[in-house]
Amino acid sequence: MPKNNIMYLISIFFGVFGLTLVAAIYYSENERGQIVNLICGLIFITASIGSWIIAKKSSKKNN
């Protein structure tokens, strides 16, 4: 499996996990839990976008 395919899979995993954390805001009991879920979800979504960009740039460099 090429290196950039693994990066795409990692970015998809981070994105899905981040969206799950953001969606968990509705099931949090208190305000602190909602804030923590939002911050962690946004961090994982940002990591997903970053790894997607890295994978895209490395695949262009290899071609």
C-alpha atoms as a PDB file:
ATOM      1  CA  MET A   1       0.000   0.000   0.000  1.00  0.00           C
ATOM      2  CA  PRO A   2       1.550   3.324  -1.023  1.00  0.00           C
ATOM      3  CA  LYS A   3       2.372   5.870   1.633  1.00  0.00           C
ATOM      4  CA  ASN A   4      -0.160   8.463   0.452  1.00  0.00           C
ATOM      5  CA  ASN A   5      -3.032   5.933   0.609  1.00  0.00           C
ATOM      6  CA  ILE A   6      -2.260   5.406   4.282  1.00  0.00           C
ATOM      7  CA  MET A   7      -2.342   9.178   4.797  1.00  0.00           C
ATOM      8  CA  TYR A   8      -5.754   9.327   3.114  1.00  0.00           C
ATOM      9  CA  LEU A   9      -7.027   6.572   5.430  1.00  0.00           C
ATOM     10  CA  ILE A  10      -5.651   8.392   8.473  1.00  0.00           C
ATOM     11  CA  SER A  11      -7.334  11.613   7.381  1.00  0.00           C
ATOM     12  CA  ILE A  12     -10.662   9.825   6.901  1.00  0.00           C
ATOM     13  CA  PHE A  13     -10.350   8.243  10.363  1.00  0.00           C
ATOM     14  CA  PHE A  14      -9.544  11.603  11.981  1.00  0.00           C
ATOM     15  CA  GLY A  15     -12.435  13.255  10.150  1.00  0.00           C
ATOM     16  CA  VAL A  16     -14.982  10.640  11.169  1.00  0.00           C
ATOM     17  CA  PHE A  17     -13.758  10.664  14.765  1.00  0.00           C
ATOM     18  CA  GLY A  18     -13.887  14.468  14.856  1.00  0.00           C
ATOM     19  CA  LEU A  19     -17.405  14.565  13.461  1.00  0.00           C
ATOM     20  CA  THR A  20     -18.449  11.961  16.026  1.00  0.00           C
ATOM     21  CA  LEU A  21     -17.101  14.138  18.824  1.00  0.00           C
ATOM     22  CA  VAL A  22     -18.892  17.199  17.469  1.00  0.00           C
ATOM     23  CA  ALA A  23     -22.120  15.200  17.158  1.00  0.00           C
ATOM     24  CA  ALA A  24     -21.714  14.016  20.766  1.00  0.00           C
ATOM     25  CA  ILE A  25     -22.346  17.601  21.896  1.00  0.00           C
ATOM     26  CA  TYR A  26     -26.070  16.881  21.772  1.00  0.00           C
ATOM     27  CA  TYR A  27     -25.690  13.943  24.160  1.00  0.00           C
ATOM     28  CA  SER A  28     -23.475  15.693  26.717  1.00  0.00           C
ATOM     29  CA  GLU A  29     -25.063  16.342  30.071  1.00  0.00           C
ATOM     30  CA  ASN A  30     -23.289  19.535  31.065  1.00  0.00           C
ATOM     31  CA  GLU A  31     -21.770  22.552  29.386  1.00  0.00           C
ATOM     32  CA  ARG A  32     -18.204  21.503  30.158  1.00  0.00           C
ATOM     33  CA  GLY A  33     -18.647  18.235  28.278  1.00  0.00           C
ATOM     34  CA  GLN A  34     -20.077  20.073  25.300  1.00  0.00           C
ATOM     35  CA  ILE A  35     -17.125  22.465  25.176  1.00  0.00           C
ATOM     36  CA  VAL A  36     -14.605  19.626  25.466  1.00  0.00           C
ATOM     37  CA  ASN A  37     -16.334  17.655  22.691  1.00  0.00           C
ATOM     38  CA  LEU A  38     -16.399  20.718  20.449  1.00  0.00           C
ATOM     39  CA  ILE A  39     -12.729  21.570  20.980  1.00  0.00           C
ATOM     40  CA  CYS A  40     -11.528  17.976  20.553  1.00  0.00           C
ATOM     41  CA  GLY A  41     -13.753  17.486  17.518  1.00  0.00           C
ATOM     42  CA  LEU A  42     -12.394  20.616  15.861  1.00  0.00           C
ATOM     43  CA  ILE A  43      -8.825  19.521  16.604  1.00  0.00           C
ATOM     44  CA  PHE A  44      -9.430  16.146  14.954  1.00  0.00           C
ATOM     45  CA  ILE A  45     -11.161  17.741  11.958  1.00  0.00           C
ATOM     46  CA  THR A  46      -8.206  20.124  11.555  1.00  0.00           C
ATOM     47  CA  ALA A  47      -5.792  17.176  11.746  1.00  0.00           C
ATOM     48  CA  SER A  48      -7.886  15.404   9.122  1.00  0.00           C
ATOM     49  CA  ILE A  49      -7.695  18.350   6.744  1.00  0.00           C
ATOM     50  CA  GLY A  50      -3.955  18.674   7.353  1.00  0.00           C
ATOM     51  CA  SER A  51      -3.196  15.034   6.643  1.00  0.00           C
ATOM     52  CA  TRP A  52      -5.421  15.164   3.545  1.00  0.00           C
ATOM     53  CA  ILE A  53      -3.395  18.128   2.229  1.00  0.00           C
ATOM     54  CA  ILE A  54      -0.109  16.366   3.012  1.00  0.00           C
ATOM     55  CA  ALA A  55      -1.279  13.224   1.193  1.00  0.00           C
ATOM     56  CA  LYS A  56      -2.384  15.268  -1.807  1.00  0.00           C
ATOM     57  CA  LYS A  57       0.934  17.138  -2.021  1.00  0.00           C
ATOM     58  CA  SER A  58       2.982  13.962  -1.645  1.00  0.00           C
ATOM     59  CA  SER A  59       0.985  12.214  -4.372  1.00  0.00           C
ATOM     60  CA  LYS A  60       1.628  15.148  -6.734  1.00  0.00           C
ATOM     61  CA  LYS A  61       5.328  15.037  -5.870  1.00  0.00           C
ATOM     62  CA  ASN A  62       5.512  11.298  -6.649  1.00  0.00           C
ATOM     63  CA  ASN A  63       3.918  11.709 -10.092  1.00  0.00           C
END
